[in-house]
Amino acid sequence: LSSYLFPAAHWLVFFNSGVNPIIYGFFNENFQRGFQ
């Protein structure tokens, strides 16, 4: 668990923080226009 599963589970937690701005941006038309 310590060698394989816990690191993957922690990665998912960090992924959550990193993916939230992407989700907000994906659903925000102003962000999409600015990105384009």
Full PDB file with SEQRES, HELIX, SHEET, SSBOND, CRYST1, ORIGX, SCALE, CONECT and MASTER records, all heavy atoms in Angstrom:
SEQRES   1 A   36  LEU SER SER TYR LEU PHE PRO ALA ALA HIS TRP LEU VAL          
SEQRES   2 A   36  PHE PHE ASN SER GLY VAL ASN PRO ILE ILE TYR GLY PHE          
SEQRES   3 A   36  PHE ASN GLU ASN PHE GLN ARG GLY PHE GLN                      
HELIX    1 AA1 LEU A    5  PHE A   26  1                                  22    
HELIX    2 AA2 GLU A   29  PHE A   35  1                                   7    
CRYST1    1.000    1.000    1.000  90.00  90.00  90.00 P 1           1          
ORIGX1      1.000000  0.000000  0.000000        0.00000                         
ORIGX2      0.000000  1.000000  0.000000        0.00000                         
ORIGX3      0.000000  0.000000  1.000000        0.00000                         
SCALE1      1.000000  0.000000  0.000000        0.00000                         
SCALE2      0.000000  1.000000  0.000000        0.00000                         
SCALE3      0.000000  0.000000  1.000000        0.00000                         
ATOM      1  N   LEU A   1       0.831  -1.205   0.000  1.00  0.00           N  
ATOM      2  CA  LEU A   1       0.000   0.000   0.000  1.00  0.00           C  
ATOM      3  C   LEU A   1       0.865   1.255   0.000  1.00  0.00           C  
ATOM      4  O   LEU A   1       0.598   2.208  -0.745  1.00  0.00           O  
ATOM      5  CB  LEU A   1      -0.923   0.011   1.224  1.00  0.00           C  
ATOM      6  CG  LEU A   1      -2.045  -1.024   1.252  1.00  0.00           C  
ATOM      7  CD1 LEU A   1      -2.815  -0.924   2.568  1.00  0.00           C  
ATOM      8  CD2 LEU A   1      -2.978  -0.868   0.078  1.00  0.00           C  
ATOM      9  N   SER A   2       1.907   1.253   0.823  1.00  0.00           N  
ATOM     10  CA  SER A   2       2.771   2.428   0.943  1.00  0.00           C  
ATOM     11  C   SER A   2       3.573   2.682  -0.326  1.00  0.00           C  
ATOM     12  O   SER A   2       3.820   3.829  -0.694  1.00  0.00           O  
ATOM     13  CB  SER A   2       3.734   2.264   2.121  1.00  0.00           C  
ATOM     14  OG  SER A   2       3.014   2.160   3.317  1.00  0.00           O  
ATOM     15  N   SER A   3       3.989   1.621  -0.990  1.00  0.00           N  
ATOM     16  CA  SER A   3       4.845   1.774  -2.169  1.00  0.00           C  
ATOM     17  C   SER A   3       4.072   2.093  -3.439  1.00  0.00           C  
ATOM     18  O   SER A   3       4.573   2.818  -4.297  1.00  0.00           O  
ATOM     19  CB  SER A   3       5.649   0.492  -2.393  1.00  0.00           C  
ATOM     20  OG  SER A   3       6.478   0.241  -1.287  1.00  0.00           O  
ATOM     21  N   TYR A   4       2.861   1.548  -3.579  1.00  0.00           N  
ATOM     22  CA  TYR A   4       2.163   1.670  -4.850  1.00  0.00           C  
ATOM     23  C   TYR A   4       0.831   2.425  -4.769  1.00  0.00           C  
ATOM     24  O   TYR A   4       0.591   3.336  -5.562  1.00  0.00           O  
ATOM     25  CB  TYR A   4       1.926   0.279  -5.466  1.00  0.00           C  
ATOM     26  CG  TYR A   4       3.203  -0.455  -5.717  1.00  0.00           C  
ATOM     27  CD1 TYR A   4       3.621  -1.486  -4.885  1.00  0.00           C  
ATOM     28  CD2 TYR A   4       4.015  -0.107  -6.792  1.00  0.00           C  
ATOM     29  CE1 TYR A   4       4.812  -2.155  -5.107  1.00  0.00           C  
ATOM     30  CE2 TYR A   4       5.214  -0.766  -7.025  1.00  0.00           C  
ATOM     31  CZ  TYR A   4       5.607  -1.789  -6.176  1.00  0.00           C  
ATOM     32  OH  TYR A   4       6.780  -2.439  -6.400  1.00  0.00           O  
ATOM     33  N   LEU A   5      -0.021   2.028  -3.849  1.00  0.00           N  
ATOM     34  CA  LEU A   5      -1.370   2.591  -3.844  1.00  0.00           C  
ATOM     35  C   LEU A   5      -1.450   3.973  -3.212  1.00  0.00           C  
ATOM     36  O   LEU A   5      -2.150   4.852  -3.719  1.00  0.00           O  
ATOM     37  CB  LEU A   5      -2.339   1.622  -3.159  1.00  0.00           C  
ATOM     38  CG  LEU A   5      -2.503   0.261  -3.868  1.00  0.00           C  
ATOM     39  CD1 LEU A   5      -3.534  -0.594  -3.160  1.00  0.00           C  
ATOM     40  CD2 LEU A   5      -2.890   0.451  -5.324  1.00  0.00           C  
ATOM     41  N   PHE A   6      -0.756   4.189  -2.086  1.00  0.00           N  
ATOM     42  CA  PHE A   6      -0.790   5.512  -1.466  1.00  0.00           C  
ATOM     43  C   PHE A   6      -0.237   6.608  -2.386  1.00  0.00           C  
ATOM     44  O   PHE A   6      -0.848   7.672  -2.490  1.00  0.00           O  
ATOM     45  CB  PHE A   6      -0.058   5.517  -0.114  1.00  0.00           C  
ATOM     46  CG  PHE A   6      -0.972   5.271   1.053  1.00  0.00           C  
ATOM     47  CD1 PHE A   6      -0.933   4.065   1.721  1.00  0.00           C  
ATOM     48  CD2 PHE A   6      -1.866   6.240   1.489  1.00  0.00           C  
ATOM     49  CE1 PHE A   6      -1.776   3.823   2.791  1.00  0.00           C  
ATOM     50  CE2 PHE A   6      -2.707   6.020   2.560  1.00  0.00           C  
ATOM     51  CZ  PHE A   6      -2.667   4.797   3.219  1.00  0.00           C  
ATOM     52  N   PRO A   7       0.885   6.384  -3.067  1.00  0.00           N  
ATOM     53  CA  PRO A   7       1.348   7.433  -4.000  1.00  0.00           C  
ATOM     54  C   PRO A   7       0.325   7.730  -5.102  1.00  0.00           C  
ATOM     55  O   PRO A   7       0.110   8.894  -5.448  1.00  0.00           O  
ATOM     56  CB  PRO A   7       2.645   6.868  -4.578  1.00  0.00           C  
ATOM     57  CG  PRO A   7       3.146   5.935  -3.526  1.00  0.00           C  
ATOM     58  CD  PRO A   7       1.907   5.326  -2.918  1.00  0.00           C  
ATOM     59  N   ALA A   8      -0.314   6.702  -5.627  1.00  0.00           N  
ATOM     60  CA  ALA A   8      -1.327   6.923  -6.667  1.00  0.00           C  
ATOM     61  C   ALA A   8      -2.527   7.675  -6.097  1.00  0.00           C  
ATOM     62  O   ALA A   8      -3.057   8.586  -6.745  1.00  0.00           O  
ATOM     63  CB  ALA A   8      -1.776   5.586  -7.254  1.00  0.00           C  
ATOM     64  N   ALA A   9      -2.935   7.328  -4.884  1.00  0.00           N  
ATOM     65  CA  ALA A   9      -4.067   8.009  -4.254  1.00  0.00           C  
ATOM     66  C   ALA A   9      -3.732   9.471  -3.954  1.00  0.00           C  
ATOM     67  O   ALA A   9      -4.573  10.361  -4.141  1.00  0.00           O  
ATOM     68  CB  ALA A   9      -4.470   7.281  -2.973  1.00  0.00           C  
ATOM     69  N   HIS A  10      -2.507   9.728  -3.499  1.00  0.00           N  
ATOM     70  CA  HIS A  10      -2.090  11.116  -3.268  1.00  0.00           C  
ATOM     71  C   HIS A  10      -2.031  11.896  -4.588  1.00  0.00           C  
ATOM     72  O   HIS A  10      -2.383  13.071  -4.637  1.00  0.00           O  
ATOM     73  CB  HIS A  10      -0.732  11.166  -2.557  1.00  0.00           C  
ATOM     74  CG  HIS A  10      -0.847  11.008  -1.085  1.00  0.00           C  
ATOM     75  ND1 HIS A  10      -0.588   9.823  -0.447  1.00  0.00           N  
ATOM     76  CD2 HIS A  10      -1.203  11.887  -0.118  1.00  0.00           C  
ATOM     77  CE1 HIS A  10      -0.784   9.967   0.844  1.00  0.00           C  
ATOM     78  NE2 HIS A  10      -1.157  11.212   1.077  1.00  0.00           N  
ATOM     79  N   TRP A  11      -1.594  11.237  -5.646  1.00  0.00           N  
ATOM     80  CA  TRP A  11      -1.561  11.893  -6.942  1.00  0.00           C  
ATOM     81  C   TRP A  11      -2.969  12.321  -7.359  1.00  0.00           C  
ATOM     82  O   TRP A  11      -3.163  13.411  -7.887  1.00  0.00           O  
ATOM     83  CB  TRP A  11      -0.956  10.964  -7.993  1.00  0.00           C  
ATOM     84  CG  TRP A  11      -0.862  11.623  -9.327  1.00  0.00           C  
ATOM     85  CD1 TRP A  11       0.165  12.390  -9.803  1.00  0.00           C  
ATOM     86  CD2 TRP A  11      -1.859  11.619 -10.359  1.00  0.00           C  
ATOM     87  NE1 TRP A  11      -0.135  12.844 -11.063  1.00  0.00           N  
ATOM     88  CE2 TRP A  11      -1.372  12.396 -11.431  1.00  0.00           C  
ATOM     89  CE3 TRP A  11      -3.111  11.036 -10.479  1.00  0.00           C  
ATOM     90  CZ2 TRP A  11      -2.081  12.583 -12.606  1.00  0.00           C  
ATOM     91  CZ3 TRP A  11      -3.831  11.244 -11.651  1.00  0.00           C  
ATOM     92  CH2 TRP A  11      -3.313  12.006 -12.687  1.00  0.00           C  
ATOM     93  N   LEU A  12      -3.962  11.468  -7.112  1.00  0.00           N  
ATOM     94  CA  LEU A  12      -5.346  11.814  -7.439  1.00  0.00           C  
ATOM     95  C   LEU A  12      -5.822  13.034  -6.658  1.00  0.00           C  
ATOM     96  O   LEU A  12      -6.535  13.884  -7.193  1.00  0.00           O  
ATOM     97  CB  LEU A  12      -6.274  10.631  -7.140  1.00  0.00           C  
ATOM     98  CG  LEU A  12      -6.476   9.623  -8.248  1.00  0.00           C  
ATOM     99  CD1 LEU A  12      -7.315   8.449  -7.757  1.00  0.00           C  
ATOM    100  CD2 LEU A  12      -7.101  10.255  -9.459  1.00  0.00           C  
ATOM    101  N   VAL A  13      -5.427  13.127  -5.381  1.00  0.00           N  
ATOM    102  CA  VAL A  13      -5.802  14.285  -4.565  1.00  0.00           C  
ATOM    103  C   VAL A  13      -5.191  15.561  -5.149  1.00  0.00           C  
ATOM    104  O   VAL A  13      -5.869  16.585  -5.273  1.00  0.00           O  
ATOM    105  CB  VAL A  13      -5.369  14.080  -3.099  1.00  0.00           C  
ATOM    106  CG1 VAL A  13      -5.489  15.363  -2.293  1.00  0.00           C  
ATOM    107  CG2 VAL A  13      -6.194  12.974  -2.458  1.00  0.00           C  
ATOM    108  N   PHE A  14      -3.917  15.499  -5.515  1.00  0.00           N  
ATOM    109  CA  PHE A  14      -3.266  16.663  -6.111  1.00  0.00           C  
ATOM    110  C   PHE A  14      -3.889  16.979  -7.477  1.00  0.00           C  
ATOM    111  O   PHE A  14      -4.037  18.133  -7.853  1.00  0.00           O  
ATOM    112  CB  PHE A  14      -1.764  16.438  -6.252  1.00  0.00           C  
ATOM    113  CG  PHE A  14      -1.077  16.244  -4.939  1.00  0.00           C  
ATOM    114  CD1 PHE A  14      -0.101  15.272  -4.787  1.00  0.00           C  
ATOM    115  CD2 PHE A  14      -1.394  17.020  -3.832  1.00  0.00           C  
ATOM    116  CE1 PHE A  14       0.538  15.090  -3.576  1.00  0.00           C  
ATOM    117  CE2 PHE A  14      -0.759  16.847  -2.617  1.00  0.00           C  
ATOM    118  CZ  PHE A  14       0.210  15.893  -2.478  1.00  0.00           C  
ATOM    119  N   PHE A  15      -4.252  15.942  -8.205  1.00  0.00           N  
ATOM    120  CA  PHE A  15      -4.915  16.107  -9.500  1.00  0.00           C  
ATOM    121  C   PHE A  15      -6.204  16.902  -9.339  1.00  0.00           C  
ATOM    122  O   PHE A  15      -6.519  17.743 -10.161  1.00  0.00           O  
ATOM    123  CB  PHE A  15      -5.199  14.726 -10.112  1.00  0.00           C  
ATOM    124  CG  PHE A  15      -6.098  14.758 -11.305  1.00  0.00           C  
ATOM    125  CD1 PHE A  15      -5.609  15.112 -12.552  1.00  0.00           C  
ATOM    126  CD2 PHE A  15      -7.440  14.423 -11.183  1.00  0.00           C  
ATOM    127  CE1 PHE A  15      -6.437  15.132 -13.657  1.00  0.00           C  
ATOM    128  CE2 PHE A  15      -8.276  14.448 -12.283  1.00  0.00           C  
ATOM    129  CZ  PHE A  15      -7.776  14.802 -13.516  1.00  0.00           C  
ATOM    130  N   ASN A  16      -6.933  16.638  -8.251  1.00  0.00           N  
ATOM    131  CA  ASN A  16      -8.181  17.364  -8.003  1.00  0.00           C  
ATOM    132  C   ASN A  16      -7.950  18.862  -7.932  1.00  0.00           C  
ATOM    133  O   ASN A  16      -8.694  19.645  -8.516  1.00  0.00           O  
ATOM    134  CB  ASN A  16      -8.840  16.850  -6.721  1.00  0.00           C  
ATOM    135  CG  ASN A  16     -10.098  17.618  -6.379  1.00  0.00           C  
ATOM    136  OD1 ASN A  16     -10.165  18.292  -5.355  1.00  0.00           O  
ATOM    137  ND2 ASN A  16     -11.095  17.524  -7.226  1.00  0.00           N  
ATOM    138  N   SER A  17      -6.911  19.271  -7.235  1.00  0.00           N  
ATOM    139  CA  SER A  17      -6.624  20.701  -7.134  1.00  0.00           C  
ATOM    140  C   SER A  17      -6.217  21.280  -8.483  1.00  0.00           C  
ATOM    141  O   SER A  17      -6.559  22.411  -8.803  1.00  0.00           O  
ATOM    142  CB  SER A  17      -5.507  20.952  -6.121  1.00  0.00           C  
ATOM    143  OG  SER A  17      -5.924  20.539  -4.848  1.00  0.00           O  
ATOM    144  N   GLY A  18      -5.488  20.526  -9.255  1.00  0.00           N  
ATOM    145  CA  GLY A  18      -5.028  21.015 -10.546  1.00  0.00           C  
ATOM    146  C   GLY A  18      -6.099  21.014 -11.620  1.00  0.00           C  
ATOM    147  O   GLY A  18      -6.068  21.826 -12.545  1.00  0.00           O  
ATOM    148  N   VAL A  19      -7.076  20.132 -11.523  1.00  0.00           N  
ATOM    149  CA  VAL A  19      -8.075  20.012 -12.577  1.00  0.00           C  
ATOM    150  C   VAL A  19      -9.228  21.002 -12.382  1.00  0.00           C  
ATOM    151  O   VAL A  19      -9.912  21.338 -13.354  1.00  0.00           O  
ATOM    152  CB  VAL A  19      -8.601  18.560 -12.675  1.00  0.00           C  
ATOM    153  CG1 VAL A  19      -9.627  18.239 -11.610  1.00  0.00           C  
ATOM    154  CG2 VAL A  19      -9.182  18.280 -14.050  1.00  0.00           C  
ATOM    155  N   ASN A  20      -9.443  21.499 -11.169  1.00  0.00           N  
ATOM    156  CA  ASN A  20     -10.553  22.430 -10.952  1.00  0.00           C  
ATOM    157  C   ASN A  20     -10.482  23.666 -11.848  1.00  0.00           C  
ATOM    158  O   ASN A  20     -11.482  24.032 -12.468  1.00  0.00           O  
ATOM    159  CB  ASN A  20     -10.655  22.820  -9.475  1.00  0.00           C  
ATOM    160  CG  ASN A  20     -11.391  21.778  -8.671  1.00  0.00           C  
ATOM    161  OD1 ASN A  20     -12.103  20.948  -9.209  1.00  0.00           O  
ATOM    162  ND2 ASN A  20     -11.219  21.812  -7.372  1.00  0.00           N  
ATOM    163  N   PRO A  21      -9.326  24.337 -11.957  1.00  0.00           N  
ATOM    164  CA  PRO A  21      -9.285  25.493 -12.873  1.00  0.00           C  
ATOM    165  C   PRO A  21      -9.578  25.112 -14.324  1.00  0.00           C  
ATOM    166  O   PRO A  21     -10.168  25.892 -15.070  1.00  0.00           O  
ATOM    167  CB  PRO A  21      -7.847  26.018 -12.730  1.00  0.00           C  
ATOM    168  CG  PRO A  21      -7.367  25.502 -11.422  1.00  0.00           C  
ATOM    169  CD  PRO A  21      -8.079  24.198 -11.213  1.00  0.00           C  
ATOM    170  N   ILE A  22      -9.193  23.902 -14.712  1.00  0.00           N  
ATOM    171  CA  ILE A  22      -9.469  23.448 -16.071  1.00  0.00           C  
ATOM    172  C   ILE A  22     -10.975  23.251 -16.263  1.00  0.00           C  
ATOM    173  O   ILE A  22     -11.537  23.634 -17.288  1.00  0.00           O  
ATOM    174  CB  ILE A  22      -8.688  22.150 -16.378  1.00  0.00           C  
ATOM    175  CG1 ILE A  22      -7.187  22.455 -16.358  1.00  0.00           C  
ATOM    176  CG2 ILE A  22      -9.121  21.538 -17.706  1.00  0.00           C  
ATOM    177  CD1 ILE A  22      -6.302  21.241 -16.368  1.00  0.00           C  
ATOM    178  N   ILE A  23     -11.625  22.675 -15.253  1.00  0.00           N  
ATOM    179  CA  ILE A  23     -13.085  22.497 -15.327  1.00  0.00           C  
ATOM    180  C   ILE A  23     -13.775  23.850 -15.416  1.00  0.00           C  
ATOM    181  O   ILE A  23     -14.653  24.065 -16.255  1.00  0.00           O  
ATOM    182  CB  ILE A  23     -13.604  21.701 -14.107  1.00  0.00           C  
ATOM    183  CG1 ILE A  23     -13.098  20.255 -14.157  1.00  0.00           C  
ATOM    184  CG2 ILE A  23     -15.133  21.721 -14.058  1.00  0.00           C  
ATOM    185  CD1 ILE A  23     -13.377  19.461 -12.904  1.00  0.00           C  
ATOM    186  N   TYR A  24     -13.363  24.781 -14.547  1.00  0.00           N  
ATOM    187  CA  TYR A  24     -13.969  26.117 -14.584  1.00  0.00           C  
ATOM    188  C   TYR A  24     -13.752  26.765 -15.953  1.00  0.00           C  
ATOM    189  O   TYR A  24     -14.661  27.371 -16.514  1.00  0.00           O  
ATOM    190  CB  TYR A  24     -13.389  27.017 -13.498  1.00  0.00           C  
ATOM    191  CG  TYR A  24     -13.704  26.572 -12.086  1.00  0.00           C  
ATOM    192  CD1 TYR A  24     -12.734  26.578 -11.103  1.00  0.00           C  
ATOM    193  CD2 TYR A  24     -14.978  26.144 -11.735  1.00  0.00           C  
ATOM    194  CE1 TYR A  24     -13.011  26.170  -9.815  1.00  0.00           C  
ATOM    195  CE2 TYR A  24     -15.267  25.738 -10.445  1.00  0.00           C  
ATOM    196  CZ  TYR A  24     -14.285  25.752  -9.493  1.00  0.00           C  
ATOM    197  OH  TYR A  24     -14.561  25.352  -8.216  1.00  0.00           O  
ATOM    198  N   GLY A  25     -12.558  26.610 -16.478  1.00  0.00           N  
ATOM    199  CA  GLY A  25     -12.254  27.200 -17.782  1.00  0.00           C  
ATOM    200  C   GLY A  25     -13.021  26.555 -18.915  1.00  0.00           C  
ATOM    201  O   GLY A  25     -13.477  27.224 -19.835  1.00  0.00           O  
ATOM    202  N   PHE A  26     -13.194  25.247 -18.851  1.00  0.00           N  
ATOM    203  CA  PHE A  26     -13.903  24.524 -19.902  1.00  0.00           C  
ATOM    204  C   PHE A  26     -15.352  24.992 -20.010  1.00  0.00           C  
ATOM    205  O   PHE A  26     -15.908  25.096 -21.096  1.00  0.00           O  
ATOM    206  CB  PHE A  26     -13.852  23.020 -19.636  1.00  0.00           C  
ATOM    207  CG  PHE A  26     -14.592  22.204 -20.654  1.00  0.00           C  
ATOM    208  CD1 PHE A  26     -14.041  21.963 -21.902  1.00  0.00           C  
ATOM    209  CD2 PHE A  26     -15.845  21.679 -20.370  1.00  0.00           C  
ATOM    210  CE1 PHE A  26     -14.728  21.213 -22.844  1.00  0.00           C  
ATOM    211  CE2 PHE A  26     -16.535  20.930 -21.308  1.00  0.00           C  
ATOM    212  CZ  PHE A  26     -15.976  20.700 -22.547  1.00  0.00           C  
ATOM    213  N   PHE A  27     -15.979  25.264 -18.874  1.00  0.00           N  
ATOM    214  CA  PHE A  27     -17.380  25.663 -18.879  1.00  0.00           C  
ATOM    215  C   PHE A  27     -17.567  27.180 -18.975  1.00  0.00           C  
ATOM    216  O   PHE A  27     -18.690  27.657 -18.995  1.00  0.00           O  
ATOM    217  CB  PHE A  27     -18.084  25.143 -17.619  1.00  0.00           C  
ATOM    218  CG  PHE A  27     -18.337  23.654 -17.667  1.00  0.00           C  
ATOM    219  CD1 PHE A  27     -17.489  22.778 -17.024  1.00  0.00           C  
ATOM    220  CD2 PHE A  27     -19.419  23.147 -18.361  1.00  0.00           C  
ATOM    221  CE1 PHE A  27     -17.724  21.414 -17.064  1.00  0.00           C  
ATOM    222  CE2 PHE A  27     -19.655  21.785 -18.412  1.00  0.00           C  
ATOM    223  CZ  PHE A  27     -18.808  20.915 -17.762  1.00  0.00           C  
ATOM    224  N   ASN A  28     -16.494  27.954 -19.038  1.00  0.00           N  
ATOM    225  CA  ASN A  28     -16.579  29.409 -19.071  1.00  0.00           C  
ATOM    226  C   ASN A  28     -16.288  29.900 -20.487  1.00  0.00           C  
ATOM    227  O   ASN A  28     -15.174  29.752 -20.978  1.00  0.00           O  
ATOM    228  CB  ASN A  28     -15.586  30.009 -18.073  1.00  0.00           C  
ATOM    229  CG  ASN A  28     -15.691  31.502 -17.956  1.00  0.00           C  
ATOM    230  OD1 ASN A  28     -15.799  32.210 -18.960  1.00  0.00           O  
ATOM    231  ND2 ASN A  28     -15.642  31.983 -16.732  1.00  0.00           N  
ATOM    232  N   GLU A  29     -17.284  30.485 -21.120  1.00  0.00           N  
ATOM    233  CA  GLU A  29     -17.127  30.930 -22.513  1.00  0.00           C  
ATOM    234  C   GLU A  29     -16.088  32.033 -22.646  1.00  0.00           C  
ATOM    235  O   GLU A  29     -15.338  32.066 -23.630  1.00  0.00           O  
ATOM    236  CB  GLU A  29     -18.470  31.397 -23.062  1.00  0.00           C  
ATOM    237  CG  GLU A  29     -19.457  30.267 -23.261  1.00  0.00           C  
ATOM    238  CD  GLU A  29     -20.818  30.749 -23.724  1.00  0.00           C  
ATOM    239  OE1 GLU A  29     -20.938  31.933 -24.091  1.00  0.00           O  
ATOM    240  OE2 GLU A  29     -21.754  29.928 -23.721  1.00  0.00           O  
ATOM    241  N   ASN A  30     -16.018  32.931 -21.685  1.00  0.00           N  
ATOM    242  CA  ASN A  30     -15.016  34.005 -21.744  1.00  0.00           C  
ATOM    243  C   ASN A  30     -13.610  33.419 -21.721  1.00  0.00           C  
ATOM    244  O   ASN A  30     -12.724  33.863 -22.453  1.00  0.00           O  
ATOM    245  CB  ASN A  30     -15.195  34.988 -20.585  1.00  0.00           C  
ATOM    246  CG  ASN A  30     -16.465  35.791 -20.722  1.00  0.00           C  
ATOM    247  OD1 ASN A  30     -16.973  35.971 -21.818  1.00  0.00           O  
ATOM    248  ND2 ASN A  30     -16.987  36.243 -19.600  1.00  0.00           N  
ATOM    249  N   PHE A  31     -13.387  32.416 -20.876  1.00  0.00           N  
ATOM    250  CA  PHE A  31     -12.081  31.768 -20.809  1.00  0.00           C  
ATOM    251  C   PHE A  31     -11.760  31.096 -22.136  1.00  0.00           C  
ATOM    252  O   PHE A  31     -10.631  31.186 -22.634  1.00  0.00           O  
ATOM    253  CB  PHE A  31     -12.059  30.748 -19.670  1.00  0.00           C  
ATOM    254  CG  PHE A  31     -10.755  30.015 -19.553  1.00  0.00           C  
ATOM    255  CD1 PHE A  31      -9.690  30.562 -18.852  1.00  0.00           C  
ATOM    256  CD2 PHE A  31     -10.580  28.778 -20.158  1.00  0.00           C  
ATOM    257  CE1 PHE A  31      -8.485  29.889 -18.758  1.00  0.00           C  
ATOM    258  CE2 PHE A  31      -9.383  28.103 -20.068  1.00  0.00           C  
ATOM    259  CZ  PHE A  31      -8.334  28.661 -19.367  1.00  0.00           C  
ATOM    260  N   GLN A  32     -12.735  30.415 -22.713  1.00  0.00           N  
ATOM    261  CA  GLN A  32     -12.522  29.716 -23.976  1.00  0.00           C  
ATOM    262  C   GLN A  32     -12.161  30.703 -25.093  1.00  0.00           C  
ATOM    263  O   GLN A  32     -11.244  30.427 -25.865  1.00  0.00           O  
ATOM    264  CB  GLN A  32     -13.778  28.923 -24.356  1.00  0.00           C  
ATOM    265  CG  GLN A  32     -14.029  27.750 -23.441  1.00  0.00           C  
ATOM    266  CD  GLN A  32     -15.382  27.096 -23.719  1.00  0.00           C  
ATOM    267  OE1 GLN A  32     -16.089  27.459 -24.648  1.00  0.00           O  
ATOM    268  NE2 GLN A  32     -15.718  26.129 -22.887  1.00  0.00           N  
ATOM    269  N   ARG A  33     -12.875  31.828 -25.157  1.00  0.00           N  
ATOM    270  CA  ARG A  33     -12.560  32.822 -26.175  1.00  0.00           C  
ATOM    271  C   ARG A  33     -11.166  33.388 -25.983  1.00  0.00           C  
ATOM    272  O   ARG A  33     -10.417  33.561 -26.945  1.00  0.00           O  
ATOM    273  CB  ARG A  33     -13.606  33.940 -26.155  1.00  0.00           C  
ATOM    274  CG  ARG A  33     -14.902  33.574 -26.859  1.00  0.00           C  
ATOM    275  CD  ARG A  33     -15.765  34.791 -27.101  1.00  0.00           C  
ATOM    276  NE  ARG A  33     -16.244  35.377 -25.865  1.00  0.00           N  
ATOM    277  CZ  ARG A  33     -17.400  35.056 -25.282  1.00  0.00           C  
ATOM    278  NH1 ARG A  33     -18.175  34.163 -25.823  1.00  0.00           N  
ATOM    279  NH2 ARG A  33     -17.766  35.646 -24.156  1.00  0.00           N  
ATOM    280  N   GLY A  34     -10.808  33.664 -24.746  1.00  0.00           N  
ATOM    281  CA  GLY A  34      -9.464  34.185 -24.451  1.00  0.00           C  
ATOM    282  C   GLY A  34      -8.387  33.175 -24.803  1.00  0.00           C  
ATOM    283  O   GLY A  34      -7.321  33.523 -25.341  1.00  0.00           O  
ATOM    284  N   PHE A  35      -8.646  31.894 -24.517  1.00  0.00           N  
ATOM    285  CA  PHE A  35      -7.679  30.846 -24.827  1.00  0.00           C  
ATOM    286  C   PHE A  35      -7.511  30.697 -26.335  1.00  0.00           C  
ATOM    287  O   PHE A  35      -6.394  30.560 -26.832  1.00  0.00           O  
ATOM    288  CB  PHE A  35      -8.127  29.523 -24.194  1.00  0.00           C  
ATOM    289  CG  PHE A  35      -7.139  28.418 -24.334  1.00  0.00           C  
ATOM    290  CD1 PHE A  35      -6.000  28.383 -23.549  1.00  0.00           C  
ATOM    291  CD2 PHE A  35      -7.333  27.395 -25.257  1.00  0.00           C  
ATOM    292  CE1 PHE A  35      -5.067  27.368 -23.677  1.00  0.00           C  
ATOM    293  CE2 PHE A  35      -6.418  26.378 -25.399  1.00  0.00           C  
ATOM    294  CZ  PHE A  35      -5.288  26.363 -24.606  1.00  0.00           C  
ATOM    295  N   GLN A  36      -8.620  30.760 -27.064  1.00  0.00           N  
ATOM    296  CA  GLN A  36      -8.551  30.653 -28.521  1.00  0.00           C  
ATOM    297  C   GLN A  36      -7.825  31.847 -29.125  1.00  0.00           C  
ATOM    298  O   GLN A  36      -7.065  31.718 -30.079  1.00  0.00           O  
ATOM    299  CB  GLN A  36      -9.950  30.528 -29.115  1.00  0.00           C  
ATOM    300  CG  GLN A  36     -10.584  29.186 -28.854  1.00  0.00           C  
ATOM    301  CD  GLN A  36     -12.047  29.135 -29.261  1.00  0.00           C  
ATOM    302  OE1 GLN A  36     -12.655  30.147 -29.565  1.00  0.00           O  
ATOM    303  NE2 GLN A  36     -12.614  27.933 -29.256  1.00  0.00           N  
TER     304      GLN A  36                                                      
MASTER        0    0    0    2    0    0    0    6  303    1    0    3          
END                                                                             
